[in-house]
Amino acid sequence: MNLNQPGIIPGDIYVRVNIKKHNLFVRKGADLVIIKNIKLLEALTGVTMEINHLDNKKYTIATCPGEILANNDFKTAEKLGMPFYNDPMSYGNLIIEFKVDFPKKNTFSKESI
């Protein structure tokens, strides 16, 4: 196969890839990270959330009964991340970071919890 073309100088090809940010997921290697804002009541009594994953499958994630979440707590859903490089049968994890919305001073009401 002759790769020499008249009028074309052989050389390197440079490709620029722009990665668009996702509105829910942040990739950290093979892991996916979600930041979930929850109210104080949810942090104290438990939270159940449905996640629409990148492959359009829906997953329900819930805390254990009686579990209390602190601000910046992490929960891990194993093998719900991205496939590992050169090993498409192994997956990273889905990491959920919880941010607790505390009521503001002097604004305590039923709606704020």
PDB file of N, CA and C in Angstrom:
ATOM      1  N   MET A   1       0.847  -1.178   0.000  1.00  0.00           N
ATOM      2  CA  MET A   1       0.000   0.000   0.000  1.00  0.00           C
ATOM      3  C   MET A   1       0.887   1.232   0.000  1.00  0.00           C
ATOM      4  N   ASN A   2       0.685   2.102  -0.943  1.00  0.00           N
ATOM      5  CA  ASN A   2       1.474   3.309  -1.077  1.00  0.00           C
ATOM      6  C   ASN A   2       0.766   4.454  -0.355  1.00  0.00           C
ATOM      7  N   LEU A   3       1.411   4.970   0.719  1.00  0.00           N
ATOM      8  CA  LEU A   3       0.816   6.064   1.488  1.00  0.00           C
ATOM      9  C   LEU A   3       1.259   7.425   0.989  1.00  0.00           C
ATOM     10  N   ASN A   4       2.177   7.457   0.046  1.00  0.00           N
ATOM     11  CA  ASN A   4       2.638   8.741  -0.475  1.00  0.00           C
ATOM     12  C   ASN A   4       1.624   9.282  -1.468  1.00  0.00           C
ATOM     13  N   GLN A   5       1.152  10.461  -1.203  1.00  0.00           N
ATOM     14  CA  GLN A   5       0.186  11.120  -2.075  1.00  0.00           C
ATOM     15  C   GLN A   5       0.861  12.350  -2.668  1.00  0.00           C
ATOM     16  N   PRO A   6       0.619  12.634  -3.934  1.00  0.00           N
ATOM     17  CA  PRO A   6       1.229  13.830  -4.523  1.00  0.00           C
ATOM     18  C   PRO A   6       0.697  15.096  -3.834  1.00  0.00           C
ATOM     19  N   GLY A   7       1.605  15.999  -3.499  1.00  0.00           N
ATOM     20  CA  GLY A   7       1.216  17.274  -2.898  1.00  0.00           C
ATOM     21  C   GLY A   7       0.932  17.191  -1.402  1.00  0.00           C
ATOM     22  N   ILE A   8       1.071  16.029  -0.798  1.00  0.00           N
ATOM     23  CA  ILE A   8       0.812  15.849   0.631  1.00  0.00           C
ATOM     24  C   ILE A   8       2.130  15.538   1.329  1.00  0.00           C
ATOM     25  N   ILE A   9       2.423  16.273   2.375  1.00  0.00           N
ATOM     26  CA  ILE A   9       3.639  16.041   3.147  1.00  0.00           C
ATOM     27  C   ILE A   9       3.284  15.112   4.309  1.00  0.00           C
ATOM     28  N   PRO A  10       3.960  13.961   4.406  1.00  0.00           N
ATOM     29  CA  PRO A  10       3.665  13.064   5.512  1.00  0.00           C
ATOM     30  C   PRO A  10       4.066  13.706   6.841  1.00  0.00           C
ATOM     31  N   GLY A  11       3.293  13.418   7.892  1.00  0.00           N
ATOM     32  CA  GLY A  11       3.609  13.986   9.203  1.00  0.00           C
ATOM     33  C   GLY A  11       2.679  13.450  10.274  1.00  0.00           C
ATOM     34  N   ASP A  12       2.757  14.050  11.411  1.00  0.00           N
ATOM     35  CA  ASP A  12       1.940  13.628  12.547  1.00  0.00           C
ATOM     36  C   ASP A  12       0.530  14.191  12.423  1.00  0.00           C
ATOM     37  N   ILE A  13      -0.402  13.475  13.006  1.00  0.00           N
ATOM     38  CA  ILE A  13      -1.779  13.950  13.077  1.00  0.00           C
ATOM     39  C   ILE A  13      -2.062  14.276  14.532  1.00  0.00           C
ATOM     40  N   TYR A  14      -2.589  15.452  14.773  1.00  0.00           N
ATOM     41  CA  TYR A  14      -2.957  15.866  16.113  1.00  0.00           C
ATOM     42  C   TYR A  14      -4.474  15.920  16.207  1.00  0.00           C
ATOM     43  N   VAL A  15      -4.996  15.305  17.248  1.00  0.00           N
ATOM     44  CA  VAL A  15      -6.439  15.277  17.459  1.00  0.00           C
ATOM     45  C   VAL A  15      -6.729  15.910  18.810  1.00  0.00           C
ATOM     46  N   ARG A  16      -7.654  16.831  18.848  1.00  0.00           N
ATOM     47  CA  ARG A  16      -8.068  17.463  20.093  1.00  0.00           C
ATOM     48  C   ARG A  16      -9.454  16.941  20.447  1.00  0.00           C
ATOM     49  N   VAL A  17      -9.566  16.435  21.665  1.00  0.00           N
ATOM     50  CA  VAL A  17     -10.840  15.913  22.148  1.00  0.00           C
ATOM     51  C   VAL A  17     -11.327  16.822  23.263  1.00  0.00           C
ATOM     52  N   ASN A  18     -12.505  17.364  23.101  1.00  0.00           N
ATOM     53  CA  ASN A  18     -13.124  18.166  24.149  1.00  0.00           C
ATOM     54  C   ASN A  18     -14.165  17.316  24.859  1.00  0.00           C
ATOM     55  N   ILE A  19     -14.034  17.218  26.174  1.00  0.00           N
ATOM     56  CA  ILE A  19     -14.959  16.417  26.960  1.00  0.00           C
ATOM     57  C   ILE A  19     -16.003  17.339  27.556  1.00  0.00           C
ATOM     58  N   LYS A  20     -17.248  17.040  27.259  1.00  0.00           N
ATOM     59  CA  LYS A  20     -18.353  17.840  27.762  1.00  0.00           C
ATOM     60  C   LYS A  20     -18.718  17.376  29.164  1.00  0.00           C
ATOM     61  N   LYS A  21     -18.909  18.312  30.085  1.00  0.00           N
ATOM     62  CA  LYS A  21     -19.288  17.960  31.447  1.00  0.00           C
ATOM     63  C   LYS A  21     -20.705  17.427  31.474  1.00  0.00           C
ATOM     64  N   HIS A  22     -20.908  16.403  32.296  1.00  0.00           N
ATOM     65  CA  HIS A  22     -22.234  15.834  32.489  1.00  0.00           C
ATOM     66  C   HIS A  22     -22.908  16.596  33.625  1.00  0.00           C
ATOM     67  N   ASN A  23     -24.224  16.726  33.578  1.00  0.00           N
ATOM     68  CA  ASN A  23     -24.913  17.505  34.605  1.00  0.00           C
ATOM     69  C   ASN A  23     -25.079  16.751  35.925  1.00  0.00           C
ATOM     70  N   LEU A  24     -24.791  15.458  35.967  1.00  0.00           N
ATOM     71  CA  LEU A  24     -24.945  14.684  37.194  1.00  0.00           C
ATOM     72  C   LEU A  24     -23.653  13.977  37.601  1.00  0.00           C
ATOM     73  N   PHE A  25     -22.990  13.338  36.670  1.00  0.00           N
ATOM     74  CA  PHE A  25     -21.836  12.498  36.973  1.00  0.00           C
ATOM     75  C   PHE A  25     -20.518  13.230  36.741  1.00  0.00           C
ATOM     76  N   VAL A  26     -19.544  12.946  37.618  1.00  0.00           N
ATOM     77  CA  VAL A  26     -18.158  13.389  37.431  1.00  0.00           C
ATOM     78  C   VAL A  26     -17.317  12.116  37.431  1.00  0.00           C
ATOM     79  N   ARG A  27     -16.455  11.991  36.447  1.00  0.00           N
ATOM     80  CA  ARG A  27     -15.647  10.780  36.329  1.00  0.00           C
ATOM     81  C   ARG A  27     -14.326  10.954  37.062  1.00  0.00           C
ATOM     82  N   LYS A  28     -13.965   9.969  37.873  1.00  0.00           N
ATOM     83  CA  LYS A  28     -12.675   9.901  38.567  1.00  0.00           C
ATOM     84  C   LYS A  28     -12.085   8.537  38.246  1.00  0.00           C
ATOM     85  N   GLY A  29     -11.354   8.446  37.149  1.00  0.00           N
ATOM     86  CA  GLY A  29     -10.857   7.159  36.678  1.00  0.00           C
ATOM     87  C   GLY A  29     -12.035   6.316  36.215  1.00  0.00           C
ATOM     88  N   ALA A  30     -12.189   5.128  36.783  1.00  0.00           N
ATOM     89  CA  ALA A  30     -13.327   4.273  36.431  1.00  0.00           C
ATOM     90  C   ALA A  30     -14.524   4.521  37.347  1.00  0.00           C
ATOM     91  N   ASP A  31     -14.343   5.342  38.383  1.00  0.00           N
ATOM     92  CA  ASP A  31     -15.440   5.649  39.296  1.00  0.00           C
ATOM     93  C   ASP A  31     -16.250   6.839  38.793  1.00  0.00           C
ATOM     94  N   LEU A  32     -17.534   6.826  39.117  1.00  0.00           N
ATOM     95  CA  LEU A  32     -18.408   7.960  38.854  1.00  0.00           C
ATOM     96  C   LEU A  32     -18.811   8.558  40.193  1.00  0.00           C
ATOM     97  N   VAL A  33     -18.829   9.880  40.278  1.00  0.00           N
ATOM     98  CA  VAL A  33     -19.158  10.575  41.519  1.00  0.00           C
ATOM     99  C   VAL A  33     -20.387  11.435  41.290  1.00  0.00           C
ATOM    100  N   ILE A  34     -21.313  11.380  42.257  1.00  0.00           N
ATOM    101  CA  ILE A  34     -22.514  12.217  42.250  1.00  0.00           C
ATOM    102  C   ILE A  34     -22.524  13.007  43.545  1.00  0.00           C
ATOM    103  N   ILE A  35     -22.877  14.275  43.479  1.00  0.00           N
ATOM    104  CA  ILE A  35     -23.104  15.068  44.684  1.00  0.00           C
ATOM    105  C   ILE A  35     -24.604  15.210  44.844  1.00  0.00           C
ATOM    106  N   LYS A  36     -25.124  14.737  45.977  1.00  0.00           N
ATOM    107  CA  LYS A  36     -26.565  14.737  46.240  1.00  0.00           C
ATOM    108  C   LYS A  36     -26.856  15.661  47.417  1.00  0.00           C
ATOM    109  N   ASN A  37     -27.638  16.709  47.164  1.00  0.00           N
ATOM    110  CA  ASN A  37     -28.087  17.605  48.219  1.00  0.00           C
ATOM    111  C   ASN A  37     -29.319  17.008  48.879  1.00  0.00           C
ATOM    112  N   ILE A  38     -29.280  16.928  50.216  1.00  0.00           N
ATOM    113  CA  ILE A  38     -30.411  16.389  50.955  1.00  0.00           C
ATOM    114  C   ILE A  38     -30.779  17.342  52.081  1.00  0.00           C
ATOM    115  N   LYS A  39     -32.028  17.276  52.512  1.00  0.00           N
ATOM    116  CA  LYS A  39     -32.487  18.095  53.625  1.00  0.00           C
ATOM    117  C   LYS A  39     -32.077  17.439  54.937  1.00  0.00           C
ATOM    118  N   LEU A  40     -32.127  18.208  56.006  1.00  0.00           N
ATOM    119  CA  LEU A  40     -31.757  17.713  57.319  1.00  0.00           C
ATOM    120  C   LEU A  40     -32.623  16.525  57.723  1.00  0.00           C
ATOM    121  N   LEU A  41     -33.903  16.578  57.429  1.00  0.00           N
ATOM    122  CA  LEU A  41     -34.804  15.471  57.767  1.00  0.00           C
ATOM    123  C   LEU A  41     -34.370  14.176  57.078  1.00  0.00           C
ATOM    124  N   GLU A  42     -33.981  14.266  55.821  1.00  0.00           N
ATOM    125  CA  GLU A  42     -33.497  13.090  55.092  1.00  0.00           C
ATOM    126  C   GLU A  42     -32.196  12.565  55.693  1.00  0.00           C
ATOM    127  N   ALA A  43     -31.324  13.473  56.134  1.00  0.00           N
ATOM    128  CA  ALA A  43     -30.063  13.059  56.743  1.00  0.00           C
ATOM    129  C   ALA A  43     -30.305  12.310  58.050  1.00  0.00           C
ATOM    130  N   LEU A  44     -31.366  12.676  58.768  1.00  0.00           N
ATOM    131  CA  LEU A  44     -31.649  12.050  60.056  1.00  0.00           C
ATOM    132  C   LEU A  44     -32.506  10.794  59.954  1.00  0.00           C
ATOM    133  N   THR A  45     -33.370  10.743  58.948  1.00  0.00           N
ATOM    134  CA  THR A  45     -34.325   9.628  58.862  1.00  0.00           C
ATOM    135  C   THR A  45     -34.063   8.679  57.700  1.00  0.00           C
ATOM    136  N   GLY A  46     -33.200   9.036  56.801  1.00  0.00           N
ATOM    137  CA  GLY A  46     -32.890   8.176  55.664  1.00  0.00           C
ATOM    138  C   GLY A  46     -33.329   8.809  54.353  1.00  0.00           C
ATOM    139  N   VAL A  47     -32.711   8.353  53.297  1.00  0.00           N
ATOM    140  CA  VAL A  47     -32.998   8.902  51.978  1.00  0.00           C
ATOM    141  C   VAL A  47     -33.053   7.760  50.971  1.00  0.00           C
ATOM    142  N   THR A  48     -33.999   7.875  50.054  1.00  0.00           N
ATOM    143  CA  THR A  48     -34.105   6.962  48.920  1.00  0.00           C
ATOM    144  C   THR A  48     -34.083   7.813  47.660  1.00  0.00           C
ATOM    145  N   MET A  49     -33.250   7.440  46.713  1.00  0.00           N
ATOM    146  CA  MET A  49     -33.153   8.217  45.478  1.00  0.00           C
ATOM    147  C   MET A  49     -33.061   7.287  44.280  1.00  0.00           C
ATOM    148  N   GLU A  50     -33.593   7.757  43.174  1.00  0.00           N
ATOM    149  CA  GLU A  50     -33.514   7.006  41.924  1.00  0.00           C
ATOM    150  C   GLU A  50     -32.528   7.712  41.018  1.00  0.00           C
ATOM    151  N   ILE A  51     -31.604   6.932  40.462  1.00  0.00           N
ATOM    152  CA  ILE A  51     -30.581   7.480  39.572  1.00  0.00           C
ATOM    153  C   ILE A  51     -30.800   6.936  38.181  1.00  0.00           C
ATOM    154  N   ASN A  52     -30.901   7.834  37.218  1.00  0.00           N
ATOM    155  CA  ASN A  52     -30.951   7.450  35.812  1.00  0.00           C
ATOM    156  C   ASN A  52     -29.503   7.405  35.328  1.00  0.00           C
ATOM    157  N   HIS A  53     -28.981   6.197  35.134  1.00  0.00           N
ATOM    158  CA  HIS A  53     -27.565   5.994  34.818  1.00  0.00           C
ATOM    159  C   HIS A  53     -27.279   6.358  33.362  1.00  0.00           C
ATOM    160  N   LEU A  54     -26.006   6.374  33.007  1.00  0.00           N
ATOM    161  CA  LEU A  54     -25.579   6.735  31.654  1.00  0.00           C
ATOM    162  C   LEU A  54     -26.130   5.792  30.591  1.00  0.00           C
ATOM    163  N   ASP A  55     -26.396   4.527  30.965  1.00  0.00           N
ATOM    164  CA  ASP A  55     -26.944   3.566  30.016  1.00  0.00           C
ATOM    165  C   ASP A  55     -28.478   3.550  30.035  1.00  0.00           C
ATOM    166  N   ASN A  56     -29.081   4.570  30.647  1.00  0.00           N
ATOM    167  CA  ASN A  56     -30.533   4.759  30.767  1.00  0.00           C
ATOM    168  C   ASN A  56     -31.217   3.717  31.654  1.00  0.00           C
ATOM    169  N   LYS A  57     -30.445   2.941  32.402  1.00  0.00           N
ATOM    170  CA  LYS A  57     -31.040   2.066  33.404  1.00  0.00           C
ATOM    171  C   LYS A  57     -31.287   2.899  34.656  1.00  0.00           C
ATOM    172  N   LYS A  58     -32.358   2.551  35.376  1.00  0.00           N
ATOM    173  CA  LYS A  58     -32.675   3.271  36.605  1.00  0.00           C
ATOM    174  C   LYS A  58     -32.295   2.410  37.795  1.00  0.00           C
ATOM    175  N   TYR A  59     -31.618   3.037  38.751  1.00  0.00           N
ATOM    176  CA  TYR A  59     -31.194   2.359  39.969  1.00  0.00           C
ATOM    177  C   TYR A  59     -31.760   3.115  41.157  1.00  0.00           C
ATOM    178  N   THR A  60     -32.274   2.363  42.138  1.00  0.00           N
ATOM    179  CA  THR A  60     -32.759   2.953  43.366  1.00  0.00           C
ATOM    180  C   THR A  60     -31.704   2.736  44.441  1.00  0.00           C
ATOM    181  N   ILE A  61     -31.282   3.830  45.055  1.00  0.00           N
ATOM    182  CA  ILE A  61     -30.261   3.793  46.086  1.00  0.00           C
ATOM    183  C   ILE A  61     -30.907   4.308  47.370  1.00  0.00           C
ATOM    184  N   ALA A  62     -30.733   3.578  48.474  1.00  0.00           N
ATOM    185  CA  ALA A  62     -31.328   3.973  49.750  1.00  0.00           C
ATOM    186  C   ALA A  62     -30.324   3.764  50.871  1.00  0.00           C
ATOM    187  N   THR A  63     -30.429   4.593  51.882  1.00  0.00           N
ATOM    188  CA  THR A  63     -29.615   4.392  53.069  1.00  0.00           C
ATOM    189  C   THR A  63     -30.250   3.310  53.932  1.00  0.00           C
ATOM    190  N   CYS A  64     -29.474   2.744  54.813  1.00  0.00           N
ATOM    191  CA  CYS A  64     -29.972   1.701  55.713  1.00  0.00           C
ATOM    192  C   CYS A  64     -30.925   2.319  56.740  1.00  0.00           C
ATOM    193  N   PRO A  65     -31.919   1.548  57.208  1.00  0.00           N
ATOM    194  CA  PRO A  65     -32.828   2.069  58.231  1.00  0.00           C
ATOM    195  C   PRO A  65     -32.057   2.474  59.488  1.00  0.00           C
ATOM    196  N   GLY A  66     -32.367   3.657  60.001  1.00  0.00           N
ATOM    197  CA  GLY A  66     -31.710   4.155  61.202  1.00  0.00           C
ATOM    198  C   GLY A  66     -30.357   4.797  60.967  1.00  0.00           C
ATOM    199  N   GLU A  67     -29.879   4.799  59.734  1.00  0.00           N
ATOM    200  CA  GLU A  67     -28.569   5.382  59.428  1.00  0.00           C
ATOM    201  C   GLU A  67     -28.687   6.902  59.353  1.00  0.00           C
ATOM    202  N   ILE A  68     -27.789   7.582  60.015  1.00  0.00           N
ATOM    203  CA  ILE A  68     -27.764   9.046  60.003  1.00  0.00           C
ATOM    204  C   ILE A  68     -26.601   9.485  59.131  1.00  0.00           C
ATOM    205  N   LEU A  69     -26.876  10.412  58.222  1.00  0.00           N
ATOM    206  CA  LEU A  69     -25.847  10.927  57.321  1.00  0.00           C
ATOM    207  C   LEU A  69     -25.344  12.277  57.816  1.00  0.00           C
ATOM    208  N   ALA A  70     -24.058  12.449  57.825  1.00  0.00           N
ATOM    209  CA  ALA A  70     -23.456  13.740  58.139  1.00  0.00           C
ATOM    210  C   ALA A  70     -23.132  14.452  56.837  1.00  0.00           C
ATOM    211  N   ASN A  71     -22.900  15.742  56.923  1.00  0.00           N
ATOM    212  CA  ASN A  71     -22.503  16.505  55.750  1.00  0.00           C
ATOM    213  C   ASN A  71     -21.196  15.938  55.197  1.00  0.00           C
ATOM    214  N   ASN A  72     -21.112  15.768  53.908  1.00  0.00           N
ATOM    215  CA  ASN A  72     -19.951  15.239  53.182  1.00  0.00           C
ATOM    216  C   ASN A  72     -19.732  13.741  53.377  1.00  0.00           C
ATOM    217  N   ASP A  73     -20.727  13.011  53.883  1.00  0.00           N
ATOM    218  CA  ASP A  73     -20.625  11.553  53.949  1.00  0.00           C
ATOM    219  C   ASP A  73     -20.655  10.975  52.542  1.00  0.00           C
ATOM    220  N   PHE A  74     -20.004   9.820  52.377  1.00  0.00           N
ATOM    221  CA  PHE A  74     -19.960   9.122  51.097  1.00  0.00           C
ATOM    222  C   PHE A  74     -20.632   7.767  51.223  1.00  0.00           C
ATOM    223  N   LYS A  75     -21.299   7.361  50.180  1.00  0.00           N
ATOM    224  CA  LYS A  75     -21.820   6.007  50.047  1.00  0.00           C
ATOM    225  C   LYS A  75     -21.352   5.489  48.701  1.00  0.00           C
ATOM    226  N   THR A  76     -21.097   4.187  48.629  1.00  0.00           N
ATOM    227  CA  THR A  76     -20.584   3.586  47.408  1.00  0.00           C
ATOM    228  C   THR A  76     -21.516   2.503  46.910  1.00  0.00           C
ATOM    229  N   ALA A  77     -21.862   2.577  45.640  1.00  0.00           N
ATOM    230  CA  ALA A  77     -22.606   1.516  44.958  1.00  0.00           C
ATOM    231  C   ALA A  77     -21.585   0.810  44.069  1.00  0.00           C
ATOM    232  N   GLU A  78     -21.228  -0.401  44.464  1.00  0.00           N
ATOM    233  CA  GLU A  78     -20.152  -1.114  43.777  1.00  0.00           C
ATOM    234  C   GLU A  78     -20.551  -1.510  42.359  1.00  0.00           C
ATOM    235  N   LYS A  79     -19.579  -1.394  41.483  1.00  0.00           N
ATOM    236  CA  LYS A  79     -19.674  -1.821  40.075  1.00  0.00           C
ATOM    237  C   LYS A  79     -20.736  -1.076  39.274  1.00  0.00           C
ATOM    238  N   LEU A  80     -21.061   0.149  39.678  1.00  0.00           N
ATOM    239  CA  LEU A  80     -21.975   0.983  38.880  1.00  0.00           C
ATOM    240  C   LEU A  80     -21.238   2.145  38.231  1.00  0.00           C
ATOM    241  N   GLY A  81     -19.905   2.043  38.166  1.00  0.00           N
ATOM    242  CA  GLY A  81     -19.108   3.071  37.519  1.00  0.00           C
ATOM    243  C   GLY A  81     -18.839   2.732  36.063  1.00  0.00           C
ATOM    244  N   MET A  82     -17.723   3.206  35.559  1.00  0.00           N
ATOM    245  CA  MET A  82     -17.329   2.988  34.174  1.00  0.00           C
ATOM    246  C   MET A  82     -16.473   1.729  34.070  1.00  0.00           C
ATOM    247  N   PRO A  83     -16.446   1.088  32.876  1.00  0.00           N
ATOM    248  CA  PRO A  83     -15.576  -0.080  32.714  1.00  0.00           C
ATOM    249  C   PRO A  83     -14.107   0.328  32.816  1.00  0.00           C
ATOM    250  N   PHE A  84     -13.291  -0.589  33.340  1.00  0.00           N
ATOM    251  CA  PHE A  84     -11.862  -0.335  33.427  1.00  0.00           C
ATOM    252  C   PHE A  84     -11.235  -0.423  32.040  1.00  0.00           C
ATOM    253  N   TYR A  85     -10.192   0.358  31.839  1.00  0.00           N
ATOM    254  CA  TYR A  85      -9.442   0.336  30.589  1.00  0.00           C
ATOM    255  C   TYR A  85      -8.854  -1.061  30.386  1.00  0.00           C
ATOM    256  N   ASN A  86      -9.019  -1.616  29.233  1.00  0.00           N
ATOM    257  CA  ASN A  86      -8.531  -2.955  28.852  1.00  0.00           C
ATOM    258  C   ASN A  86      -9.177  -4.099  29.634  1.00  0.00           C
ATOM    259  N   ASP A  87     -10.268  -3.833  30.346  1.00  0.00           N
ATOM    260  CA  ASP A  87     -10.979  -4.892  31.066  1.00  0.00           C
ATOM    261  C   ASP A  87     -12.466  -4.533  31.095  1.00  0.00           C
ATOM    262  N   PRO A  88     -13.167  -4.683  29.977  1.00  0.00           N
ATOM    263  CA  PRO A  88     -14.561  -4.236  29.898  1.00  0.00           C
ATOM    264  C   PRO A  88     -15.535  -5.054  30.746  1.00  0.00           C
ATOM    265  N   MET A  89     -15.059  -6.116  31.398  1.00  0.00           N
ATOM    266  CA  MET A  89     -15.933  -6.905  32.259  1.00  0.00           C
ATOM    267  C   MET A  89     -15.874  -6.447  33.715  1.00  0.00           C
ATOM    268  N   SER A  90     -14.960  -5.544  34.053  1.00  0.00           N
ATOM    269  CA  SER A  90     -14.837  -5.011  35.415  1.00  0.00           C
ATOM    270  C   SER A  90     -15.209  -3.540  35.405  1.00  0.00           C
ATOM    271  N   TYR A  91     -15.901  -3.128  36.448  1.00  0.00           N
ATOM    272  CA  TYR A  91     -16.398  -1.758  36.519  1.00  0.00           C
ATOM    273  C   TYR A  91     -15.936  -1.076  37.793  1.00  0.00           C
ATOM    274  N   GLY A  92     -15.824   0.253  37.711  1.00  0.00           N
ATOM    275  CA  GLY A  92     -15.557   1.065  38.889  1.00  0.00           C
ATOM    276  C   GLY A  92     -16.835   1.206  39.706  1.00  0.00           C
ATOM    277  N   ASN A  93     -16.797   2.073  40.689  1.00  0.00           N
ATOM    278  CA  ASN A  93     -17.920   2.257  41.599  1.00  0.00           C
ATOM    279  C   ASN A  93     -18.636   3.579  41.348  1.00  0.00           C
ATOM    280  N   LEU A  94     -19.862   3.653  41.826  1.00  0.00           N
ATOM    281  CA  LEU A  94     -20.619   4.897  41.851  1.00  0.00           C
ATOM    282  C   LEU A  94     -20.523   5.429  43.269  1.00  0.00           C
ATOM    283  N   ILE A  95     -19.962   6.609  43.422  1.00  0.00           N
ATOM    284  CA  ILE A  95     -19.765   7.212  44.736  1.00  0.00           C
ATOM    285  C   ILE A  95     -20.729   8.384  44.867  1.00  0.00           C
ATOM    286  N   ILE A  96     -21.510   8.376  45.946  1.00  0.00           N
ATOM    287  CA  ILE A  96     -22.483   9.439  46.186  1.00  0.00           C
ATOM    288  C   ILE A  96     -22.003  10.233  47.397  1.00  0.00           C
ATOM    289  N   GLU A  97     -21.793  11.521  47.190  1.00  0.00           N
ATOM    290  CA  GLU A  97     -21.404  12.408  48.284  1.00  0.00           C
ATOM    291  C   GLU A  97     -22.636  13.210  48.690  1.00  0.00           C
ATOM    292  N   PHE A  98     -22.971  13.141  49.961  1.00  0.00           N
ATOM    293  CA  PHE A  98     -24.169  13.814  50.457  1.00  0.00           C
ATOM    294  C   PHE A  98     -23.804  15.173  51.049  1.00  0.00           C
ATOM    295  N   LYS A  99     -24.528  16.186  50.615  1.00  0.00           N
ATOM    296  CA  LYS A  99     -24.410  17.539  51.153  1.00  0.00           C
ATOM    297  C   LYS A  99     -25.714  17.848  51.866  1.00  0.00           C
ATOM    298  N   VAL A 100     -25.637  18.062  53.175  1.00  0.00           N
ATOM    299  CA  VAL A 100     -26.828  18.316  53.979  1.00  0.00           C
ATOM    300  C   VAL A 100     -27.115  19.806  53.979  1.00  0.00           C
ATOM    301  N   ASP A 101     -28.347  20.156  53.583  1.00  0.00           N
ATOM    302  CA  ASP A 101     -28.801  21.550  53.612  1.00  0.00           C
ATOM    303  C   ASP A 101     -29.369  21.829  54.998  1.00  0.00           C
ATOM    304  N   PHE A 102     -28.582  22.508  55.818  1.00  0.00           N
ATOM    305  CA  PHE A 102     -29.028  22.841  57.167  1.00  0.00           C
ATOM    306  C   PHE A 102     -29.906  24.085  57.123  1.00  0.00           C
ATOM    307  N   PRO A 103     -30.930  24.150  57.985  1.00  0.00           N
ATOM    308  CA  PRO A 103     -31.759  25.359  58.036  1.00  0.00           C
ATOM    309  C   PRO A 103     -30.913  26.558  58.457  1.00  0.00           C
ATOM    310  N   LYS A 104     -31.254  27.708  57.918  1.00  0.00           N
ATOM    311  CA  LYS A 104     -30.566  28.942  58.278  1.00  0.00           C
ATOM    312  C   LYS A 104     -31.022  29.399  59.661  1.00  0.00           C
ATOM    313  N   LYS A 105     -30.225  30.186  60.303  1.00  0.00           N
ATOM    314  CA  LYS A 105     -30.548  30.693  61.633  1.00  0.00           C
ATOM    315  C   LYS A 105     -31.858  31.484  61.588  1.00  0.00           C
ATOM    316  N   ASN A 106     -32.724  31.219  62.517  1.00  0.00           N
ATOM    317  CA  ASN A 106     -34.025  31.896  62.665  1.00  0.00           C
ATOM    318  C   ASN A 106     -34.981  31.655  61.506  1.00  0.00           C
ATOM    319  N   THR A 107     -34.755  30.599  60.737  1.00  0.00           N
ATOM    320  CA  THR A 107     -35.701  30.269  59.649  1.00  0.00           C
ATOM    321  C   THR A 107     -36.205  28.856  59.804  1.00  0.00           C
ATOM    322  N   PHE A 108     -36.185  28.322  61.004  1.00  0.00           N
ATOM    323  CA  PHE A 108     -36.603  26.956  61.234  1.00  0.00           C
ATOM    324  C   PHE A 108     -38.109  26.835  61.049  1.00  0.00           C
ATOM    325  N   SER A 109     -38.502  25.975  60.115  1.00  0.00           N
ATOM    326  CA  SER A 109     -39.912  25.703  59.877  1.00  0.00           C
ATOM    327  C   SER A 109     -40.024  24.269  59.367  1.00  0.00           C
ATOM    328  N   LYS A 110     -41.241  23.804  59.246  1.00  0.00           N
ATOM    329  CA  LYS A 110     -41.459  22.451  58.769  1.00  0.00           C
ATOM    330  C   LYS A 110     -40.891  22.264  57.367  1.00  0.00           C
ATOM    331  N   GLU A 111     -40.968  23.272  56.509  1.00  0.00           N
ATOM    332  CA  GLU A 111     -40.488  23.188  55.141  1.00  0.00           C
ATOM    333  C   GLU A 111     -38.968  23.169  55.052  1.00  0.00           C
ATOM    334  N   SER A 112     -38.290  23.750  56.062  1.00  0.00           N
ATOM    335  CA  SER A 112     -36.835  23.821  55.993  1.00  0.00           C
ATOM    336  C   SER A 112     -36.167  22.497  56.372  1.00  0.00           C
ATOM    337  N   ILE A 113     -36.927  21.595  56.996  1.00  0.00           N
ATOM    338  CA  ILE A 113     -36.344  20.305  57.339  1.00  0.00           C
ATOM    339  C   ILE A 113     -36.836  19.301  56.348  1.00  0.00           C
TER     340      ILE A 113
END
